[in-house]
Structure formats: C-alpha cells, structure tokens
Amino acid sequence: MFGNKQAKRERLEYMADVIEQYPQGISQSKLARRMGIPRSTVKRDLPTLEQAGILLAEDERGRLSMFKRKR
C-alpha cells in the first residue's frame, strides 16, 4: 500500500533528473504531469529531496530549478 524505500529513492532521483532538465524552472504541476504522479506527491517529496542533498530554488512564479546537487 505504501510502496517501498527503493521505489521512493528511484522516484526522488527521477524527480531531480526532471527538474535538472529545466534550468529555467518547472512548476510543481508540470513536474507531476511529466512524472505521472499526483501533485500532492511532488509537494510531499520536496523536503525529502532537500534532506538528500538536492537543493532547489523557487522563483517568484513558483517554478523549481536545481540550485545544488550533492553526488
């Protein structure tokens, strides 16, 4: 029901990859559509990305872009 840790790690990695493809920024809604997941999942996963060392910037229109990514 809740998925597994490996699937979440893969989703987060894919999310970071998608965001990185949009240096001009991507909205949470567009990111969710691109990934085929609910926007609520994107919103819930954003703090987890930060905890994993993937830092995002948000512009005045709410678009996300990569600020820094620890490898």
N, C-alpha and C. Protein backbone atom coordinates (compact mmCIF):
# COMPACT_ATOMS: atom_id res chain seq x y z
N MET A 1 0.80 -1.19 0.00
CA MET A 1 0.00 0.00 0.00
C MET A 1 0.85 1.26 0.00
N PHE A 2 1.90 1.29 0.81
CA PHE A 2 2.71 2.49 0.93
C PHE A 2 3.95 2.47 0.05
N GLY A 3 4.13 1.46 -0.76
CA GLY A 3 5.32 1.38 -1.61
C GLY A 3 6.52 0.94 -0.79
N ASN A 4 7.67 1.02 -1.41
CA ASN A 4 8.87 0.63 -0.67
C ASN A 4 9.94 1.71 -0.80
N LYS A 5 10.97 1.58 0.01
CA LYS A 5 12.02 2.60 0.06
C LYS A 5 12.76 2.71 -1.27
N GLN A 6 13.00 1.59 -1.92
CA GLN A 6 13.71 1.60 -3.19
C GLN A 6 12.91 2.36 -4.24
N ALA A 7 11.60 2.13 -4.29
CA ALA A 7 10.75 2.83 -5.26
C ALA A 7 10.75 4.33 -4.98
N LYS A 8 10.74 4.71 -3.72
CA LYS A 8 10.77 6.14 -3.38
C LYS A 8 12.10 6.76 -3.77
N ARG A 9 13.19 6.07 -3.50
CA ARG A 9 14.51 6.58 -3.90
C ARG A 9 14.57 6.78 -5.41
N GLU A 10 14.05 5.83 -6.15
CA GLU A 10 14.04 5.94 -7.61
C GLU A 10 13.17 7.11 -8.06
N ARG A 11 12.02 7.30 -7.42
CA ARG A 11 11.14 8.41 -7.77
C ARG A 11 11.83 9.74 -7.48
N LEU A 12 12.50 9.84 -6.34
CA LEU A 12 13.19 11.08 -5.99
C LEU A 12 14.33 11.37 -6.96
N GLU A 13 15.05 10.34 -7.34
CA GLU A 13 16.15 10.52 -8.30
C GLU A 13 15.60 10.98 -9.65
N TYR A 14 14.51 10.36 -10.08
CA TYR A 14 13.88 10.75 -11.34
C TYR A 14 13.36 12.19 -11.26
N MET A 15 12.78 12.56 -10.10
CA MET A 15 12.29 13.91 -9.91
C MET A 15 13.44 14.91 -10.05
N ALA A 16 14.56 14.63 -9.42
CA ALA A 16 15.73 15.51 -9.52
C ALA A 16 16.21 15.60 -10.96
N ASP A 17 16.22 14.48 -11.67
CA ASP A 17 16.65 14.48 -13.07
C ASP A 17 15.73 15.35 -13.93
N VAL A 18 14.43 15.24 -13.71
CA VAL A 18 13.47 16.04 -14.47
C VAL A 18 13.67 17.52 -14.18
N ILE A 19 13.79 17.88 -12.91
CA ILE A 19 13.99 19.28 -12.54
C ILE A 19 15.26 19.83 -13.19
N GLU A 20 16.29 19.01 -13.20
CA GLU A 20 17.57 19.43 -13.79
C GLU A 20 17.44 19.72 -15.29
N GLN A 21 16.49 19.09 -15.95
CA GLN A 21 16.28 19.30 -17.38
C GLN A 21 15.63 20.65 -17.68
N TYR A 22 15.17 21.35 -16.66
CA TYR A 22 14.50 22.64 -16.82
C TYR A 22 15.25 23.73 -16.06
N PRO A 23 16.39 24.18 -16.60
CA PRO A 23 17.16 25.22 -15.89
C PRO A 23 16.37 26.52 -15.72
N GLN A 24 15.38 26.76 -16.56
CA GLN A 24 14.54 27.95 -16.44
C GLN A 24 13.46 27.76 -15.39
N GLY A 25 13.30 26.55 -14.88
CA GLY A 25 12.34 26.24 -13.83
C GLY A 25 11.15 25.45 -14.37
N ILE A 26 10.53 24.70 -13.49
CA ILE A 26 9.37 23.89 -13.82
C ILE A 26 8.38 23.98 -12.65
N SER A 27 7.11 24.12 -12.98
CA SER A 27 6.10 24.20 -11.93
C SER A 27 5.88 22.81 -11.32
N GLN A 28 5.36 22.79 -10.10
CA GLN A 28 5.05 21.52 -9.46
C GLN A 28 4.01 20.75 -10.27
N SER A 29 3.06 21.45 -10.84
CA SER A 29 2.02 20.79 -11.64
C SER A 29 2.61 20.13 -12.88
N LYS A 30 3.48 20.85 -13.58
CA LYS A 30 4.10 20.29 -14.77
C LYS A 30 5.02 19.13 -14.42
N LEU A 31 5.72 19.26 -13.31
CA LEU A 31 6.59 18.18 -12.85
C LEU A 31 5.77 16.94 -12.56
N ALA A 32 4.64 17.11 -11.90
CA ALA A 32 3.77 15.97 -11.59
C ALA A 32 3.25 15.32 -12.87
N ARG A 33 2.82 16.13 -13.83
CA ARG A 33 2.33 15.57 -15.11
C ARG A 33 3.45 14.83 -15.83
N ARG A 34 4.63 15.41 -15.84
CA ARG A 34 5.78 14.80 -16.53
C ARG A 34 6.14 13.45 -15.90
N MET A 35 5.99 13.36 -14.58
CA MET A 35 6.33 12.13 -13.87
C MET A 35 5.18 11.15 -13.79
N GLY A 36 3.96 11.63 -14.07
CA GLY A 36 2.79 10.75 -13.99
C GLY A 36 2.37 10.44 -12.56
N ILE A 37 2.56 11.41 -11.67
CA ILE A 37 2.19 11.24 -10.27
C ILE A 37 1.33 12.42 -9.83
N PRO A 38 0.61 12.29 -8.72
CA PRO A 38 -0.18 13.42 -8.22
C PRO A 38 0.71 14.58 -7.76
N ARG A 39 0.20 15.80 -7.91
CA ARG A 39 0.93 16.97 -7.45
C ARG A 39 1.19 16.90 -5.95
N SER A 40 0.29 16.30 -5.21
CA SER A 40 0.47 16.17 -3.76
C SER A 40 1.71 15.34 -3.43
N THR A 41 2.01 14.35 -4.27
CA THR A 41 3.22 13.54 -4.06
C THR A 41 4.46 14.39 -4.30
N VAL A 42 4.43 15.21 -5.34
CA VAL A 42 5.55 16.11 -5.60
C VAL A 42 5.77 17.01 -4.40
N LYS A 43 4.71 17.64 -3.93
CA LYS A 43 4.81 18.56 -2.80
C LYS A 43 5.35 17.84 -1.56
N ARG A 44 4.90 16.64 -1.31
CA ARG A 44 5.34 15.87 -0.15
C ARG A 44 6.80 15.44 -0.29
N ASP A 45 7.26 15.19 -1.51
CA ASP A 45 8.64 14.71 -1.71
C ASP A 45 9.68 15.83 -1.70
N LEU A 46 9.29 17.07 -1.91
CA LEU A 46 10.27 18.15 -2.00
C LEU A 46 11.16 18.27 -0.76
N PRO A 47 10.62 18.21 0.46
CA PRO A 47 11.51 18.25 1.64
C PRO A 47 12.47 17.06 1.70
N THR A 48 12.03 15.92 1.22
CA THR A 48 12.89 14.73 1.22
C THR A 48 14.06 14.92 0.27
N LEU A 49 13.82 15.60 -0.85
CA LEU A 49 14.92 15.91 -1.78
C LEU A 49 15.98 16.76 -1.08
N GLU A 50 15.52 17.75 -0.34
CA GLU A 50 16.46 18.62 0.38
C GLU A 50 17.26 17.83 1.40
N GLN A 51 16.60 16.93 2.11
CA GLN A 51 17.31 16.10 3.10
C GLN A 51 18.34 15.21 2.42
N ALA A 52 18.10 14.87 1.16
CA ALA A 52 19.04 14.03 0.41
C ALA A 52 20.16 14.84 -0.22
N GLY A 53 20.18 16.16 0.02
CA GLY A 53 21.25 16.99 -0.51
C GLY A 53 20.97 17.58 -1.88
N ILE A 54 19.73 17.52 -2.32
CA ILE A 54 19.34 18.10 -3.60
C ILE A 54 18.59 19.39 -3.29
N LEU A 55 19.29 20.51 -3.46
CA LEU A 55 18.74 21.80 -3.09
C LEU A 55 18.11 22.46 -4.31
N LEU A 56 16.90 22.98 -4.10
CA LEU A 56 16.15 23.60 -5.18
C LEU A 56 15.97 25.08 -4.92
N ALA A 57 15.82 25.83 -6.00
CA ALA A 57 15.47 27.24 -5.92
C ALA A 57 14.05 27.37 -6.45
N GLU A 58 13.32 28.34 -5.92
CA GLU A 58 11.97 28.59 -6.38
C GLU A 58 11.87 30.06 -6.78
N ASP A 59 11.43 30.31 -8.01
CA ASP A 59 11.32 31.70 -8.46
C ASP A 59 10.01 32.32 -8.00
N GLU A 60 9.81 33.58 -8.37
CA GLU A 60 8.62 34.30 -7.92
C GLU A 60 7.32 33.72 -8.46
N ARG A 61 7.39 32.91 -9.51
CA ARG A 61 6.20 32.26 -10.07
C ARG A 61 6.01 30.85 -9.53
N GLY A 62 6.89 30.42 -8.62
CA GLY A 62 6.77 29.10 -8.01
C GLY A 62 7.43 27.99 -8.80
N ARG A 63 8.18 28.34 -9.84
CA ARG A 63 8.87 27.31 -10.63
C ARG A 63 10.13 26.86 -9.90
N LEU A 64 10.36 25.56 -9.93
CA LEU A 64 11.51 24.95 -9.27
C LEU A 64 12.65 24.79 -10.25
N SER A 65 13.87 25.02 -9.77
CA SER A 65 15.06 24.74 -10.56
C SER A 65 16.14 24.21 -9.62
N MET A 66 17.12 23.56 -10.19
CA MET A 66 18.20 22.97 -9.40
C MET A 66 19.11 24.08 -8.89
N PHE A 67 19.37 24.10 -7.62
CA PHE A 67 20.32 25.04 -7.03
C PHE A 67 21.65 24.33 -6.82
N LYS A 68 21.60 23.16 -6.21
CA LYS A 68 22.81 22.39 -5.92
C LYS A 68 22.44 20.94 -5.75
N ARG A 69 23.29 20.08 -6.25
CA ARG A 69 23.03 18.65 -6.14
C ARG A 69 24.31 17.96 -5.68
N LYS A 70 24.25 17.37 -4.51
CA LYS A 70 25.41 16.60 -4.00
C LYS A 70 25.37 15.24 -4.67
N ARG A 71 26.48 14.80 -5.14
CA ARG A 71 26.56 13.49 -5.80
C ARG A 71 27.17 12.48 -4.88
